[in-house]
Protein backbone atom coordinates (compact mmCIF):
# COMPACT_ATOMS: atom_id res chain seq x y z
CA ASN A 1 10.31 -25.79 14.25
CA VAL A 2 10.17 -23.21 11.48
CA ALA A 3 7.25 -21.08 10.26
CA LEU A 4 7.15 -18.39 7.57
CA SER A 5 4.70 -15.50 7.52
CA GLU A 6 4.53 -12.73 4.93
CA SER A 7 7.54 -10.86 6.29
CA GLU A 8 8.91 -12.88 9.20
CA LEU A 9 10.51 -16.26 9.71
CA TYR A 10 9.94 -17.82 13.11
CA ALA A 11 12.30 -20.52 14.37
CA ALA A 12 12.24 -22.44 17.63
CA THR A 13 15.09 -24.51 18.99
CA LYS A 14 16.19 -25.77 22.40
CA GLY A 15 13.29 -24.03 24.12
CA GLU A 16 13.97 -20.62 22.54
CA LEU A 17 11.99 -18.64 19.96
CA PHE A 18 13.55 -16.43 17.27
CA CYS A 19 12.04 -14.04 14.73
CA LEU A 20 14.26 -13.67 11.65
CA ASP A 21 14.27 -11.59 8.49
CA PRO A 22 13.54 -14.21 5.80
CA ALA A 23 15.72 -12.47 3.21
CA THR A 24 18.85 -12.04 5.34
CA GLY A 25 18.46 -14.37 8.32
CA HIS A 26 19.09 -11.39 10.63
CA VAL A 27 17.59 -11.93 14.10
CA ARG A 28 14.83 -9.36 14.63
CA TRP A 29 14.07 -10.53 18.15
CA HIS A 30 14.72 -13.48 20.42
CA ASN A 31 12.77 -14.85 23.38
CA PRO A 32 14.57 -17.40 25.57
CA LEU A 33 11.20 -18.50 27.08
CA LYS A 34 12.88 -18.88 30.48
CA GLY A 35 11.24 -21.41 32.77
CA LEU A 36 9.08 -22.93 30.04
CA GLY A 37 11.17 -26.04 29.41
CA ARG A 38 12.91 -27.35 26.34
CA GLY A 39 10.05 -29.13 24.60
CA LEU A 40 8.69 -28.43 21.14
CA ILE A 41 7.18 -25.03 20.54
CA ALA A 42 4.03 -24.78 18.44
CA ILE A 43 3.95 -21.73 16.16
CA ALA A 44 0.59 -20.68 14.77
CA ALA A 45 -0.91 -17.51 13.36
CA ALA A 46 -3.08 -16.46 10.44
CA GLY A 47 -1.17 -16.67 7.16
CA VAL A 48 1.76 -18.67 8.58
CA GLU A 49 3.10 -21.60 6.59
CA THR A 50 4.69 -24.33 8.67
CA ASN A 51 5.03 -27.17 6.19
CA GLN A 52 8.56 -27.13 4.78
CA MET A 53 7.36 -28.31 1.35
CA SER A 54 4.88 -25.44 1.14
CA LEU A 55 7.71 -23.04 1.98
CA LEU A 56 9.84 -24.48 -0.81
CA GLU A 57 6.94 -24.41 -3.26
CA ARG A 58 6.14 -20.79 -2.36
CA ARG A 59 9.77 -19.74 -2.93
CA LYS A 60 9.80 -21.60 -6.25
CA ARG A 61 6.61 -19.84 -7.41
CA GLU A 62 8.03 -16.46 -6.35
CA GLU A 63 11.27 -17.12 -8.25
CA GLN A 64 9.35 -18.23 -11.34
CA ALA A 65 7.16 -15.12 -11.21
CA ALA A 66 10.22 -12.87 -10.86
CA ALA A 67 11.95 -14.62 -13.78
CA ALA A 68 8.83 -14.28 -15.94
CA ALA A 69 8.55 -10.57 -15.07
CA ALA A 70 12.23 -10.03 -15.89
CA ALA A 71 11.87 -11.86 -19.19
CA ALA A 72 8.77 -9.82 -20.08
CA GLY A 73 10.61 -6.60 -19.25
CA ALA A 74 13.64 -7.60 -21.34
CA SER A 75 11.51 -8.40 -24.39
CA SER A 76 9.73 -5.03 -24.43
């Protein structure tokens, strides 16, 4: 499972939860969730995107906005 918030990427695998820096992939913190099994982990919070397509679309919109801003700055 993967979920992206404004400044954090949450990933769950094999019964463990990780918080990553979305820009670098650096592990900010890790919780092994000892004693809680190896099932799926549900990640939910306000402003968190969990649908992979919405993550890809968001990145695409951000890249397009950055390119448009760069082009506007180059033409002035």
